[in-house]
Amino acid sequence: MKKFADILVKHFISPAITIPPDLPVREAITRLQQEGADLLSVVDGNKLAGAVSEANLLKLVRHEPASPMGDVVWFTELDPAQAAEPVSSIMTTNITTLGPQDTLAAAFRLMHSSGYKLLHVVEGSRLLGIIRIRDVLEQLLKE
């Protein structure tokens, strides 16, 4: 059996949920809900261009205080103008990535230090998929 430090990321790549950069924000929200995901990978061709997370989208929801003290908030709706914008206008573009030849130990260190639950795996700029913390931890616990 291989040691955790020697196992390559390429054996644990899962498909990424991808969207084009021109997809409207409202459709990205629908896609997140349909897929039960918390992150969409934005690809232009096969090239990873960015990512849209629930956190990116939450920033777009209009809200207002429901109490005079402002301690309770009612969320209203997504601004219609922002809902029609392309996801490229809100996506994160500074993406932390791994290569398929990186080890699970390297993936674990990066996830631990950054707090990310998943990382994109790329070869050059081409998106191969994602690796999830649960897959990394499962292998770590096997040792």
Protein backbone atom coordinates (compact mmCIF):
# COMPACT_ATOMS: atom_id res chain seq x y z
CA MET A 1 0.00 0.00 0.00
CA LYS A 2 1.30 3.44 -0.94
CA LYS A 3 2.01 5.99 1.76
CA PHE A 4 -0.20 9.06 1.95
CA ALA A 5 2.74 11.31 1.07
CA ASP A 6 3.26 9.38 -2.19
CA ILE A 7 -0.33 9.16 -3.48
CA LEU A 8 -1.02 11.50 -6.40
CA VAL A 9 -3.95 13.89 -6.68
CA LYS A 10 -4.75 12.58 -10.18
CA HIS A 11 -6.30 9.45 -8.66
CA PHE A 12 -8.88 11.46 -6.72
CA ILE A 13 -10.09 14.04 -9.24
CA SER A 14 -13.87 14.51 -9.31
CA PRO A 15 -15.72 16.25 -12.12
CA ALA A 16 -16.17 19.98 -11.60
CA ILE A 17 -19.54 21.63 -12.16
CA THR A 18 -18.71 24.08 -14.90
CA ILE A 19 -20.41 27.17 -16.28
CA PRO A 20 -19.40 29.66 -18.97
CA PRO A 21 -18.31 33.19 -17.97
CA ASP A 22 -21.28 34.76 -19.76
CA LEU A 23 -23.92 32.80 -17.80
CA PRO A 24 -26.29 35.21 -16.00
CA VAL A 25 -25.98 35.29 -12.22
CA ARG A 26 -29.61 34.17 -11.79
CA GLU A 27 -28.91 31.03 -13.82
CA ALA A 28 -25.78 30.34 -11.77
CA ILE A 29 -27.89 30.42 -8.60
CA THR A 30 -30.33 27.98 -10.16
CA ARG A 31 -27.47 25.70 -11.19
CA LEU A 32 -26.02 25.73 -7.66
CA GLN A 33 -29.41 24.74 -6.27
CA GLN A 34 -29.99 22.02 -8.87
CA GLU A 35 -26.56 20.49 -8.32
CA GLY A 36 -26.62 20.83 -4.53
CA ALA A 37 -23.19 22.42 -4.83
CA ASP A 38 -21.49 25.30 -3.09
CA LEU A 39 -19.09 26.14 -5.92
CA LEU A 40 -19.24 26.46 -9.69
CA SER A 41 -16.10 26.44 -11.83
CA VAL A 42 -16.13 29.10 -14.53
CA VAL A 43 -14.46 27.85 -17.69
CA ASP A 44 -13.76 29.56 -20.97
CA GLY A 45 -13.27 26.66 -23.36
CA ASN A 46 -11.30 24.23 -21.19
CA LYS A 47 -9.45 27.02 -19.37
CA LEU A 48 -10.27 27.72 -15.73
CA ALA A 49 -11.26 31.38 -15.63
CA GLY A 50 -12.61 31.62 -12.09
CA ALA A 51 -15.10 30.28 -9.57
CA VAL A 52 -18.47 31.36 -8.21
CA SER A 53 -19.30 30.33 -4.67
CA GLU A 54 -22.32 30.72 -2.46
CA ALA A 55 -20.40 33.50 -0.72
CA ASN A 56 -20.02 35.42 -4.00
CA LEU A 57 -23.76 35.16 -4.58
CA LEU A 58 -24.81 35.99 -1.03
CA LYS A 59 -23.16 39.39 -1.38
CA LEU A 60 -25.68 40.22 -4.12
CA VAL A 61 -28.82 39.60 -2.05
CA ARG A 62 -30.50 42.78 -0.89
CA HIS A 63 -31.32 42.83 2.80
CA GLU A 64 -32.80 45.20 5.30
CA PRO A 65 -33.06 45.34 9.09
CA ALA A 66 -36.22 43.71 10.41
CA SER A 67 -35.88 45.29 13.85
CA PRO A 68 -35.01 48.82 14.96
CA MET A 69 -31.75 47.55 16.47
CA GLY A 70 -30.77 45.87 13.21
CA ASP A 71 -30.06 42.56 14.92
CA VAL A 72 -32.53 40.63 12.75
CA VAL A 73 -32.22 40.82 9.00
CA TRP A 74 -34.80 40.00 6.36
CA PHE A 75 -33.41 38.99 3.04
CA THR A 76 -35.39 40.32 0.18
CA GLU A 77 -34.46 39.57 -3.40
CA LEU A 78 -31.59 39.60 -5.77
CA ASP A 79 -31.29 42.94 -7.49
CA PRO A 80 -32.75 42.35 -10.99
CA ALA A 81 -29.92 44.24 -12.69
CA GLN A 82 -27.29 42.14 -10.91
CA ALA A 83 -29.24 38.94 -11.62
CA ALA A 84 -28.85 39.60 -15.33
CA GLU A 85 -25.09 40.30 -15.11
CA PRO A 86 -22.69 37.60 -16.30
CA VAL A 87 -20.96 35.54 -13.62
CA SER A 88 -17.65 36.91 -14.88
CA SER A 89 -18.58 40.17 -13.13
CA ILE A 90 -18.70 38.51 -9.68
CA MET A 91 -16.45 35.45 -9.93
CA THR A 92 -13.28 34.95 -7.96
CA THR A 93 -10.33 34.91 -10.34
CA ASN A 94 -7.45 34.30 -7.96
CA ILE A 95 -7.90 30.53 -7.77
CA THR A 96 -5.62 28.26 -5.74
CA THR A 97 -4.94 25.13 -7.80
CA LEU A 98 -3.12 21.83 -7.74
CA GLY A 99 -1.64 19.78 -10.54
CA PRO A 100 -2.45 16.11 -11.15
CA GLN A 101 1.09 15.11 -10.14
CA ASP A 102 0.88 16.84 -6.75
CA THR A 103 0.51 14.53 -3.76
CA LEU A 104 -2.40 14.19 -1.38
CA ALA A 105 -0.06 15.41 1.34
CA ALA A 106 0.47 18.65 -0.62
CA ALA A 107 -3.30 18.93 -1.15
CA PHE A 108 -3.90 18.44 2.57
CA ARG A 109 -1.33 21.09 3.56
CA LEU A 110 -2.84 23.58 1.11
CA MET A 111 -6.40 22.89 2.20
CA HIS A 112 -5.45 23.06 5.87
CA SER A 113 -3.58 26.36 5.52
CA SER A 114 -6.19 28.01 3.28
CA GLY A 115 -9.36 26.61 4.83
CA TYR A 116 -10.64 25.46 1.42
CA LYS A 117 -12.81 22.34 1.28
CA LEU A 118 -11.98 21.73 -2.35
CA LEU A 119 -9.33 22.73 -4.84
CA HIS A 120 -9.29 22.88 -8.61
CA VAL A 121 -6.91 20.52 -10.39
CA VAL A 122 -5.43 21.95 -13.56
CA GLU A 123 -2.85 20.96 -16.12
CA GLY A 124 -1.43 24.19 -17.47
CA SER A 125 -4.61 26.29 -17.50
CA ARG A 126 -6.90 23.38 -18.49
CA LEU A 127 -9.35 22.33 -15.79
CA LEU A 128 -9.22 18.62 -15.04
CA GLY A 129 -11.64 18.66 -12.11
CA ILE A 130 -11.63 19.17 -8.36
CA ILE A 131 -10.33 17.36 -5.30
CA ARG A 132 -12.36 17.44 -2.08
CA ILE A 133 -11.10 17.50 1.49
CA ARG A 134 -13.25 14.46 2.34
CA ASP A 135 -11.36 12.35 -0.23
CA VAL A 136 -8.02 13.54 1.12
CA LEU A 137 -9.03 12.86 4.74
CA GLU A 138 -10.38 9.42 3.87
CA GLN A 139 -6.97 8.46 2.49
CA LEU A 140 -5.14 10.01 5.42
CA LEU A 141 -7.23 7.96 7.87
CA LYS A 142 -6.37 4.74 6.02
CA GLU A 143 -2.72 5.05 7.12
